Amino acid sequence: MTLAASSNWFVWAILSAVFAALTAILAKLGLAGVDSDMATLVRTVVILVVLAAFVKATGKWTNPFELSPRTWAFLVLSGLATGASWVCYFRALKMGNASQVAPVDKLSVVLVVLFAVMFLGERPSVREWGGVAMIAGGVLMLAIKR
């Protein structure tokens, strides 16, 4: 796939990385003097309000009760996983350095590839496995302090 053909998803993925990086820094600053679980709740409420307004403003609102039970099940499970990730992430940020916590959190990239192989039947190339290995090595180098 060429960069031109893949630029749409790639732009969104880059923006996701930028906002994820800002999340770590802004959250670390915002965690001063507040319990990490309370901070996660505030963040979640903000996300809910902003996303609801966005979906409404762009005309993408549909009746969620018309979704299939299978879709509901996987979206609920995904929501539970997201919530658990956020609680763990904010607790880790409260206790550790953002420069260590965020790289360890990015081991999720490695896990996504492994889970995609196991559950989705995806088959990364040798080159892609090499990239995954470099990500894992880079995470360990950034996370482990002497």
N, C-alpha and C. Protein backbone atom coordinates (compact mmCIF):
# COMPACT_ATOMS: atom_id res chain seq x y z
N MET A 1 0.84 -1.18 0.00
CA MET A 1 0.00 0.00 0.00
C MET A 1 0.89 1.24 0.00
N THR A 2 0.60 2.16 -0.87
CA THR A 2 1.40 3.38 -0.96
C THR A 2 0.97 4.37 0.10
N LEU A 3 1.84 5.35 0.36
CA LEU A 3 1.50 6.38 1.34
C LEU A 3 0.26 7.14 0.90
N ALA A 4 0.13 7.42 -0.41
CA ALA A 4 -1.03 8.16 -0.91
C ALA A 4 -2.32 7.37 -0.66
N ALA A 5 -2.28 6.06 -0.89
CA ALA A 5 -3.47 5.24 -0.69
C ALA A 5 -3.80 5.07 0.78
N SER A 6 -2.81 5.15 1.63
CA SER A 6 -3.05 4.90 3.05
C SER A 6 -3.06 6.18 3.87
N SER A 7 -2.94 7.33 3.22
CA SER A 7 -2.76 8.58 3.96
C SER A 7 -3.93 8.90 4.87
N ASN A 8 -5.15 8.54 4.50
CA ASN A 8 -6.28 8.88 5.34
C ASN A 8 -6.17 8.23 6.72
N TRP A 9 -5.96 6.91 6.76
CA TRP A 9 -5.84 6.25 8.06
C TRP A 9 -4.56 6.69 8.76
N PHE A 10 -3.52 6.94 7.97
CA PHE A 10 -2.23 7.31 8.56
C PHE A 10 -2.31 8.67 9.24
N VAL A 11 -2.98 9.61 8.61
CA VAL A 11 -3.14 10.94 9.23
C VAL A 11 -3.88 10.82 10.55
N TRP A 12 -4.97 10.05 10.55
CA TRP A 12 -5.73 9.86 11.80
C TRP A 12 -4.89 9.15 12.85
N ALA A 13 -4.08 8.19 12.44
CA ALA A 13 -3.22 7.47 13.39
C ALA A 13 -2.15 8.40 13.98
N ILE A 14 -1.58 9.27 13.14
CA ILE A 14 -0.60 10.24 13.65
C ILE A 14 -1.26 11.20 14.63
N LEU A 15 -2.46 11.68 14.29
CA LEU A 15 -3.19 12.56 15.21
C LEU A 15 -3.49 11.84 16.52
N SER A 16 -3.84 10.57 16.43
CA SER A 16 -4.08 9.78 17.63
C SER A 16 -2.83 9.73 18.51
N ALA A 17 -1.68 9.53 17.90
CA ALA A 17 -0.42 9.49 18.65
C ALA A 17 -0.13 10.84 19.31
N VAL A 18 -0.37 11.93 18.57
CA VAL A 18 -0.13 13.27 19.13
C VAL A 18 -1.04 13.50 20.34
N PHE A 19 -2.31 13.18 20.19
CA PHE A 19 -3.24 13.40 21.30
C PHE A 19 -2.96 12.45 22.47
N ALA A 20 -2.53 11.24 22.18
CA ALA A 20 -2.16 10.31 23.25
C ALA A 20 -0.96 10.86 24.03
N ALA A 21 0.00 11.43 23.31
CA ALA A 21 1.16 12.02 23.98
C ALA A 21 0.73 13.20 24.85
N LEU A 22 -0.14 14.05 24.32
CA LEU A 22 -0.65 15.17 25.11
C LEU A 22 -1.43 14.67 26.32
N THR A 23 -2.14 13.56 26.15
CA THR A 23 -2.90 12.98 27.26
C THR A 23 -1.99 12.68 28.44
N ALA A 24 -0.85 12.07 28.17
CA ALA A 24 0.07 11.72 29.25
C ALA A 24 0.58 12.96 29.98
N ILE A 25 0.98 13.97 29.22
CA ILE A 25 1.54 15.17 29.84
C ILE A 25 0.47 15.95 30.59
N LEU A 26 -0.67 16.17 29.94
CA LEU A 26 -1.74 16.93 30.59
C LEU A 26 -2.31 16.18 31.80
N ALA A 27 -2.42 14.87 31.69
CA ALA A 27 -2.92 14.08 32.83
C ALA A 27 -1.95 14.15 34.00
N LYS A 28 -0.66 14.02 33.71
CA LYS A 28 0.34 14.09 34.79
C LYS A 28 0.24 15.44 35.51
N LEU A 29 0.09 16.52 34.75
CA LEU A 29 -0.07 17.84 35.35
C LEU A 29 -1.38 17.94 36.13
N GLY A 30 -2.44 17.33 35.60
CA GLY A 30 -3.75 17.39 36.24
C GLY A 30 -3.91 16.49 37.44
N LEU A 31 -3.03 15.53 37.62
CA LEU A 31 -3.14 14.59 38.74
C LEU A 31 -2.64 15.16 40.06
N ALA A 32 -2.03 16.33 40.02
CA ALA A 32 -1.53 16.94 41.26
C ALA A 32 -2.70 17.23 42.19
N GLY A 33 -2.67 16.62 43.36
CA GLY A 33 -3.67 16.91 44.38
C GLY A 33 -5.02 16.25 44.19
N VAL A 34 -5.12 15.25 43.31
CA VAL A 34 -6.39 14.57 43.11
C VAL A 34 -6.14 13.07 43.00
N ASP A 35 -7.08 12.29 43.49
CA ASP A 35 -7.01 10.84 43.37
C ASP A 35 -7.08 10.45 41.89
N SER A 36 -6.32 9.46 41.50
CA SER A 36 -6.26 9.07 40.09
C SER A 36 -7.61 8.57 39.57
N ASP A 37 -8.39 7.89 40.42
CA ASP A 37 -9.69 7.41 39.97
C ASP A 37 -10.66 8.57 39.74
N MET A 38 -10.61 9.59 40.60
CA MET A 38 -11.45 10.78 40.42
C MET A 38 -11.04 11.51 39.14
N ALA A 39 -9.74 11.59 38.90
CA ALA A 39 -9.25 12.24 37.68
C ALA A 39 -9.73 11.49 36.44
N THR A 40 -9.74 10.17 36.51
CA THR A 40 -10.22 9.36 35.40
C THR A 40 -11.71 9.61 35.16
N LEU A 41 -12.48 9.74 36.23
CA LEU A 41 -13.91 10.03 36.09
C LEU A 41 -14.13 11.38 35.41
N VAL A 42 -13.42 12.41 35.86
CA VAL A 42 -13.56 13.74 35.26
C VAL A 42 -13.22 13.67 33.77
N ARG A 43 -12.13 13.03 33.45
CA ARG A 43 -11.71 12.89 32.06
C ARG A 43 -12.78 12.18 31.24
N THR A 44 -13.37 11.13 31.79
CA THR A 44 -14.37 10.36 31.09
C THR A 44 -15.63 11.18 30.83
N VAL A 45 -16.05 11.97 31.80
CA VAL A 45 -17.22 12.83 31.62
C VAL A 45 -16.97 13.85 30.51
N VAL A 46 -15.77 14.42 30.50
CA VAL A 46 -15.42 15.38 29.44
C VAL A 46 -15.50 14.69 28.08
N ILE A 47 -14.93 13.50 27.97
CA ILE A 47 -14.96 12.75 26.71
C ILE A 47 -16.41 12.47 26.29
N LEU A 48 -17.24 12.05 27.22
CA LEU A 48 -18.64 11.74 26.92
C LEU A 48 -19.37 12.96 26.37
N VAL A 49 -19.22 14.11 27.02
CA VAL A 49 -19.91 15.33 26.59
C VAL A 49 -19.40 15.78 25.22
N VAL A 50 -18.08 15.84 25.05
CA VAL A 50 -17.52 16.30 23.79
C VAL A 50 -17.88 15.36 22.65
N LEU A 51 -17.78 14.06 22.86
CA LEU A 51 -18.08 13.11 21.80
C LEU A 51 -19.57 13.12 21.45
N ALA A 52 -20.44 13.23 22.45
CA ALA A 52 -21.88 13.31 22.17
C ALA A 52 -22.19 14.55 21.33
N ALA A 53 -21.59 15.67 21.67
CA ALA A 53 -21.81 16.90 20.89
C ALA A 53 -21.27 16.74 19.46
N PHE A 54 -20.13 16.10 19.32
CA PHE A 54 -19.53 15.87 18.00
C PHE A 54 -20.41 14.99 17.14
N VAL A 55 -20.90 13.88 17.70
CA VAL A 55 -21.75 12.95 16.95
C VAL A 55 -23.04 13.66 16.53
N LYS A 56 -23.62 14.42 17.42
CA LYS A 56 -24.85 15.16 17.11
C LYS A 56 -24.59 16.22 16.04
N ALA A 57 -23.52 17.01 16.20
CA ALA A 57 -23.22 18.11 15.27
C ALA A 57 -22.89 17.62 13.86
N THR A 58 -22.32 16.43 13.75
CA THR A 58 -21.96 15.90 12.43
C THR A 58 -23.07 15.06 11.81
N GLY A 59 -24.20 14.98 12.51
CA GLY A 59 -25.34 14.24 11.97
C GLY A 59 -25.15 12.73 11.96
N LYS A 60 -24.29 12.22 12.81
CA LYS A 60 -24.01 10.78 12.83
C LYS A 60 -24.82 10.02 13.89
N TRP A 61 -25.71 10.71 14.58
CA TRP A 61 -26.49 10.06 15.63
C TRP A 61 -27.45 9.05 15.00
N THR A 62 -27.44 7.83 15.51
CA THR A 62 -28.41 6.81 15.15
C THR A 62 -28.89 6.18 16.44
N ASN A 63 -29.96 5.44 16.35
CA ASN A 63 -30.52 4.80 17.54
C ASN A 63 -29.60 3.64 17.95
N PRO A 64 -28.94 3.76 19.11
CA PRO A 64 -28.03 2.69 19.52
C PRO A 64 -28.73 1.37 19.81
N PHE A 65 -30.04 1.42 20.06
CA PHE A 65 -30.78 0.19 20.36
C PHE A 65 -31.07 -0.62 19.10
N GLU A 66 -30.73 -0.07 17.94
CA GLU A 66 -30.89 -0.81 16.68
C GLU A 66 -29.63 -1.61 16.33
N LEU A 67 -28.57 -1.48 17.14
CA LEU A 67 -27.35 -2.26 16.91
C LEU A 67 -27.61 -3.73 17.25
N SER A 68 -26.89 -4.60 16.60
CA SER A 68 -27.07 -6.04 16.85
C SER A 68 -26.54 -6.40 18.24
N PRO A 69 -27.06 -7.48 18.82
CA PRO A 69 -26.54 -7.92 20.12
C PRO A 69 -25.04 -8.20 20.08
N ARG A 70 -24.54 -8.74 18.97
CA ARG A 70 -23.10 -9.02 18.84
C ARG A 70 -22.31 -7.72 18.90
N THR A 71 -22.77 -6.70 18.17
CA THR A 71 -22.10 -5.40 18.18
C THR A 71 -22.12 -4.83 19.59
N TRP A 72 -23.26 -4.87 20.25
CA TRP A 72 -23.36 -4.38 21.63
C TRP A 72 -22.37 -5.10 22.54
N ALA A 73 -22.30 -6.42 22.42
CA ALA A 73 -21.42 -7.20 23.29
C ALA A 73 -19.97 -6.78 23.12
N PHE A 74 -19.52 -6.67 21.87
CA PHE A 74 -18.12 -6.31 21.65
C PHE A 74 -17.83 -4.85 22.02
N LEU A 75 -18.80 -3.95 21.78
CA LEU A 75 -18.57 -2.55 22.17
C LEU A 75 -18.57 -2.38 23.69
N VAL A 76 -19.42 -3.14 24.38
CA VAL A 76 -19.42 -3.09 25.85
C VAL A 76 -18.10 -3.65 26.39
N LEU A 77 -17.65 -4.77 25.84
CA LEU A 77 -16.37 -5.33 26.27
C LEU A 77 -15.22 -4.37 25.98
N SER A 78 -15.26 -3.72 24.82
CA SER A 78 -14.24 -2.74 24.48
C SER A 78 -14.28 -1.56 25.45
N GLY A 79 -15.47 -1.12 25.80
CA GLY A 79 -15.61 -0.04 26.78
C GLY A 79 -15.06 -0.42 28.14
N LEU A 80 -15.31 -1.65 28.55
CA LEU A 80 -14.77 -2.13 29.83
C LEU A 80 -13.25 -2.19 29.79
N ALA A 81 -12.70 -2.65 28.67
CA ALA A 81 -11.25 -2.70 28.53
C ALA A 81 -10.66 -1.29 28.54
N THR A 82 -11.32 -0.36 27.85
CA THR A 82 -10.87 1.03 27.84
C THR A 82 -10.87 1.61 29.24
N GLY A 83 -11.95 1.40 29.96
CA GLY A 83 -12.04 1.91 31.33
C GLY A 83 -10.96 1.34 32.22
N ALA A 84 -10.73 0.04 32.11
CA ALA A 84 -9.69 -0.59 32.92
C ALA A 84 -8.32 -0.02 32.54
N SER A 85 -8.08 0.18 31.26
CA SER A 85 -6.82 0.76 30.80
C SER A 85 -6.63 2.15 31.37
N TRP A 86 -7.67 2.97 31.33
CA TRP A 86 -7.57 4.34 31.83
C TRP A 86 -7.30 4.38 33.33
N VAL A 87 -8.01 3.53 34.09
CA VAL A 87 -7.79 3.49 35.54
C VAL A 87 -6.34 3.10 35.83
N CYS A 88 -5.86 2.06 35.16
CA CYS A 88 -4.47 1.62 35.37
C CYS A 88 -3.47 2.69 34.93
N TYR A 89 -3.73 3.32 33.80
CA TYR A 89 -2.83 4.34 33.26
C TYR A 89 -2.73 5.54 34.22
N PHE A 90 -3.86 6.01 34.69
CA PHE A 90 -3.84 7.17 35.59
C PHE A 90 -3.18 6.83 36.93
N ARG A 91 -3.40 5.63 37.42
CA ARG A 91 -2.71 5.22 38.66
C ARG A 91 -1.21 5.17 38.44
N ALA A 92 -0.80 4.62 37.30
CA ALA A 92 0.63 4.54 37.00
C ALA A 92 1.22 5.94 36.86
N LEU A 93 0.49 6.85 36.19
CA LEU A 93 0.98 8.23 36.04
C LEU A 93 1.08 8.94 37.38
N LYS A 94 0.14 8.64 38.27
CA LYS A 94 0.16 9.27 39.60
C LYS A 94 1.44 8.86 40.35
N MET A 95 1.86 7.62 40.17
CA MET A 95 3.00 7.09 40.92
C MET A 95 4.34 7.22 40.20
N GLY A 96 4.32 7.26 38.87
CA GLY A 96 5.58 7.21 38.13
C GLY A 96 5.79 8.40 37.23
N ASN A 97 6.91 8.39 36.55
CA ASN A 97 7.23 9.43 35.59
C ASN A 97 6.50 9.19 34.28
N ALA A 98 5.98 10.26 33.69
CA ALA A 98 5.28 10.15 32.41
C ALA A 98 6.21 9.56 31.36
N SER A 99 7.50 9.90 31.44
CA SER A 99 8.47 9.41 30.46
C SER A 99 8.74 7.91 30.59
N GLN A 100 8.31 7.31 31.69
CA GLN A 100 8.41 5.86 31.84
C GLN A 100 7.07 5.18 31.64
N VAL A 101 6.01 5.78 32.19
CA VAL A 101 4.68 5.17 32.11
C VAL A 101 4.20 5.08 30.66
N ALA A 102 4.31 6.18 29.91
CA ALA A 102 3.79 6.20 28.54
C ALA A 102 4.45 5.15 27.65
N PRO A 103 5.78 5.00 27.68
CA PRO A 103 6.37 3.94 26.85
C PRO A 103 5.89 2.54 27.22
N VAL A 104 5.75 2.25 28.49
CA VAL A 104 5.27 0.93 28.88
C VAL A 104 3.83 0.73 28.38
N ASP A 105 3.04 1.78 28.48
CA ASP A 105 1.67 1.73 27.96
C ASP A 105 1.67 1.39 26.47
N LYS A 106 2.68 1.82 25.76
CA LYS A 106 2.75 1.57 24.32
C LYS A 106 3.12 0.12 23.99
N LEU A 107 3.39 -0.68 24.99
CA LEU A 107 3.49 -2.12 24.73
C LEU A 107 2.17 -2.64 24.18
N SER A 108 1.11 -1.84 24.33
CA SER A 108 -0.18 -2.20 23.74
C SER A 108 -0.04 -2.41 22.23
N VAL A 109 0.87 -1.69 21.60
CA VAL A 109 1.10 -1.86 20.16
C VAL A 109 1.54 -3.30 19.87
N VAL A 110 2.46 -3.79 20.65
CA VAL A 110 2.94 -5.16 20.49
C VAL A 110 1.81 -6.15 20.77
N LEU A 111 1.07 -5.89 21.83
CA LEU A 111 -0.04 -6.78 22.19
C LEU A 111 -1.14 -6.78 21.13
N VAL A 112 -1.42 -5.63 20.53
CA VAL A 112 -2.42 -5.57 19.46
C VAL A 112 -2.02 -6.50 18.32
N VAL A 113 -0.77 -6.47 17.93
CA VAL A 113 -0.32 -7.34 16.84
C VAL A 113 -0.47 -8.81 17.24
N LEU A 114 -0.05 -9.14 18.45
CA LEU A 114 -0.19 -10.54 18.91
C LEU A 114 -1.66 -10.96 18.97
N PHE A 115 -2.51 -10.10 19.51
CA PHE A 115 -3.95 -10.42 19.60
C PHE A 115 -4.58 -10.49 18.20
N ALA A 116 -4.14 -9.62 17.28
CA ALA A 116 -4.67 -9.64 15.92
C ALA A 116 -4.33 -10.96 15.23
N VAL A 117 -3.16 -11.49 15.51
CA VAL A 117 -2.77 -12.80 14.97
C VAL A 117 -3.65 -13.89 15.57
N MET A 118 -3.81 -13.85 16.89
CA MET A 118 -4.55 -14.91 17.59
C MET A 118 -6.06 -14.86 17.32
N PHE A 119 -6.65 -13.68 17.33
CA PHE A 119 -8.11 -13.57 17.29
C PHE A 119 -8.69 -13.13 15.95
N LEU A 120 -7.90 -12.44 15.14
CA LEU A 120 -8.42 -11.92 13.87
C LEU A 120 -7.82 -12.63 12.66
N GLY A 121 -6.86 -13.51 12.92
CA GLY A 121 -6.25 -14.25 11.82
C GLY A 121 -5.32 -13.42 10.95
N GLU A 122 -4.89 -12.26 11.44
CA GLU A 122 -3.96 -11.44 10.66
C GLU A 122 -2.59 -12.11 10.63
N ARG A 123 -1.87 -11.88 9.54
CA ARG A 123 -0.56 -12.48 9.36
C ARG A 123 0.46 -11.41 8.98
N PRO A 124 1.12 -10.80 9.98
CA PRO A 124 2.14 -9.79 9.67
C PRO A 124 3.31 -10.42 8.91
N SER A 125 3.94 -9.59 8.08
CA SER A 125 5.11 -10.03 7.33
C SER A 125 6.33 -10.06 8.25
N VAL A 126 7.41 -10.62 7.74
CA VAL A 126 8.66 -10.65 8.50
C VAL A 126 9.10 -9.23 8.84
N ARG A 127 8.96 -8.32 7.87
CA ARG A 127 9.33 -6.92 8.10
C ARG A 127 8.48 -6.32 9.23
N GLU A 128 7.18 -6.61 9.23
CA GLU A 128 6.30 -6.09 10.27
C GLU A 128 6.65 -6.67 11.64
N TRP A 129 6.98 -7.97 11.69
CA TRP A 129 7.42 -8.57 12.96
C TRP A 129 8.70 -7.90 13.45
N GLY A 130 9.58 -7.54 12.52
CA GLY A 130 10.79 -6.82 12.89
C GLY A 130 10.46 -5.48 13.54
N GLY A 131 9.48 -4.78 12.98
CA GLY A 131 9.05 -3.51 13.56
C GLY A 131 8.46 -3.69 14.94
N VAL A 132 7.68 -4.75 15.11
CA VAL A 132 7.09 -5.05 16.42
C VAL A 132 8.19 -5.32 17.44
N ALA A 133 9.20 -6.07 17.03
CA ALA A 133 10.32 -6.37 17.93
C ALA A 133 11.07 -5.10 18.30
N MET A 134 11.24 -4.20 17.34
CA MET A 134 11.92 -2.93 17.65
C MET A 134 11.10 -2.06 18.60
N ILE A 135 9.78 -2.07 18.43
CA ILE A 135 8.92 -1.33 19.35
C ILE A 135 9.08 -1.89 20.75
N ALA A 136 9.03 -3.21 20.87
CA ALA A 136 9.17 -3.84 22.19
C ALA A 136 10.52 -3.50 22.81
N GLY A 137 11.58 -3.58 22.03
CA GLY A 137 12.91 -3.23 22.53
C GLY A 137 13.01 -1.77 22.92
N GLY A 138 12.43 -0.90 22.10
CA GLY A 138 12.45 0.53 22.41
C GLY A 138 11.69 0.85 23.67
N VAL A 139 10.55 0.20 23.87
CA VAL A 139 9.78 0.41 25.09
C VAL A 139 10.60 0.03 26.31
N LEU A 140 11.27 -1.11 26.22
CA LEU A 140 12.08 -1.56 27.36
C LEU A 140 13.24 -0.58 27.62
N MET A 141 13.86 -0.09 26.56
CA MET A 141 14.97 0.87 26.74
C MET A 141 14.50 2.16 27.39
N LEU A 142 13.32 2.63 27.02
CA LEU A 142 12.79 3.88 27.58
C LEU A 142 12.27 3.71 29.00
N ALA A 143 11.72 2.55 29.29
CA ALA A 143 11.04 2.34 30.57
C ALA A 143 11.99 1.97 31.71
N ILE A 144 13.08 1.29 31.38
CA ILE A 144 13.97 0.81 32.42
C ILE A 144 15.08 1.84 32.66
N LYS A 145 15.09 2.37 33.86
CA LYS A 145 16.13 3.34 34.22
C LYS A 145 17.24 2.59 34.95
N ARG A 146 18.46 3.10 34.79
CA ARG A 146 19.60 2.47 35.48
C ARG A 146 19.55 2.75 36.95
